[in-house]
Protein backbone atom coordinates (compact mmCIF):
# COMPACT_ATOMS: atom_id res chain seq x y z
CA MET A 1 27.03 32.24 -6.41
CA THR A 2 25.54 29.78 -8.94
CA PRO A 3 25.12 26.15 -7.42
CA ASN A 4 27.34 24.18 -10.49
CA PHE A 5 24.47 20.89 -11.34
CA ASP A 6 26.41 18.11 -13.07
CA LEU A 7 22.82 16.18 -15.08
CA THR A 8 26.23 14.41 -17.64
CA GLY A 9 28.22 12.91 -15.22
CA ALA A 10 27.66 9.18 -13.68
CA SER A 11 25.06 10.73 -10.89
CA PHE A 12 22.77 11.60 -13.08
CA ALA A 13 22.76 7.67 -15.15
CA MET A 14 22.08 6.02 -11.61
CA VAL A 15 18.54 8.48 -12.07
CA PRO A 16 16.53 5.12 -14.48
CA PHE A 17 17.44 2.73 -13.03
CA ILE A 18 16.75 4.27 -8.59
CA LEU A 19 13.25 4.66 -10.22
CA ALA A 20 13.06 1.17 -12.10
CA VAL A 21 13.68 0.09 -8.42
CA ASN A 22 11.63 2.48 -7.09
CA PHE A 23 8.46 0.72 -10.09
CA ILE A 24 9.20 -2.62 -8.89
CA VAL A 25 9.31 -2.01 -5.84
CA ILE A 26 6.48 -0.24 -4.97
CA PHE A 27 4.65 -2.89 -7.67
CA VAL A 28 6.11 -5.28 -5.88
CA LEU A 29 3.84 -3.72 -2.11
CA ALA A 30 0.83 -3.81 -4.48
CA VAL A 31 0.35 -7.16 -5.41
CA ALA A 32 1.19 -8.02 -1.91
CA VAL A 33 -1.39 -5.66 -1.21
CA LYS A 34 -3.96 -7.56 -4.09
CA LEU A 35 -2.72 -10.85 -3.18
CA ASP A 36 -3.57 -10.16 1.27
CA ALA A 37 -6.65 -8.31 0.29
CA ASP A 38 -8.47 -11.04 -1.32
CA HIS A 39 -7.64 -13.86 1.42
CA VAL A 40 -9.28 -10.85 3.79
CA ASN A 41 -12.46 -10.03 1.26
CA ALA A 42 -13.22 -14.21 2.02
CA ARG A 43 -12.89 -13.55 5.99
CA ARG A 44 -14.79 -11.31 5.84
CA GLY A 45 -15.13 -8.63 3.20
CA VAL A 46 -12.78 -6.26 2.40
CA PHE A 47 -13.35 -2.03 3.10
CA LEU A 48 -13.53 0.86 0.63
CA GLY A 49 -14.08 -1.47 -3.10
CA SER A 50 -12.67 -3.86 -3.85
CA PRO A 51 -8.72 -5.52 -4.41
CA TRP A 52 -8.60 -4.54 -7.18
CA LEU A 53 -8.77 -0.48 -6.42
CA TRP A 54 -7.00 -1.21 -3.26
CA PHE A 55 -4.52 -2.50 -6.33
CA PHE A 56 -4.24 1.05 -8.02
CA ILE A 57 -4.56 2.32 -4.86
CA VAL A 58 -0.88 1.69 -4.00
CA LEU A 59 -0.10 1.30 -7.08
CA ALA A 60 -1.24 5.21 -8.19
CA SER A 61 -0.35 6.78 -5.16
CA GLY A 62 3.26 5.76 -4.73
CA GLY A 63 2.90 2.96 -2.55
CA TYR A 64 4.20 3.78 1.19
CA LEU A 65 1.07 6.15 2.12
CA ALA A 66 -1.45 3.60 0.85
CA ALA A 67 -0.60 0.57 1.81
CA LEU A 68 0.25 2.19 5.55
CA GLY A 69 -3.78 3.15 5.38
CA TYR A 70 -4.84 -0.39 3.68
CA TRP A 71 -3.22 -2.29 6.94
CA LEU A 72 -4.34 0.62 9.62
CA ILE A 73 -7.81 -0.61 7.87
CA HIS A 74 -8.18 -4.34 7.70
CA TYR A 75 -5.17 -4.75 10.82
CA SER A 76 -4.89 -2.20 13.55
CA SER A 77 -7.46 -1.50 16.41
CA LEU A 78 -9.53 0.46 14.10
CA ARG A 79 -10.93 -2.54 12.09
CA TYR A 80 -11.32 -4.30 15.14
CA ARG A 81 -13.83 -1.42 16.36
CA ALA A 82 -15.63 -0.90 13.61
CA VAL A 83 -16.23 -4.39 12.52
CA ASP A 84 -17.45 -4.63 16.85
CA GLU A 85 -19.86 -2.28 16.49
CA THR A 86 -21.87 -3.69 12.84
CA HIS A 87 -20.55 -7.37 13.77
CA PRO A 88 -20.24 -8.24 17.47
CA GLY A 89 -18.71 -12.36 16.91
CA GLU A 90 -15.80 -10.51 15.64
CA GLY A 91 -12.25 -9.18 16.64
CA PRO A 92 -10.08 -10.16 18.86
CA THR A 93 -11.03 -11.71 22.68
CA ARG A 94 -11.85 -8.78 25.51
């Protein structure tokens, strides 16, 4: 039995709308990462490149996993361990 895909109906007309909304969400996420990376860069430096590099990584990758990676590197306990090893005075109070 062959599946019947109707690509001329109203559901197909929603595809450009869904793609546009997805691009807007990813772009806003990339801008938010860029702005946050600017603040992090001013305080202690951005890990793995510049704020613009993180912007383009998030934009080119589809956003969600790259933004999660940015958070893991800069705000999770992984960042504090790396900072503690290189700059003992920074990081959370223990």
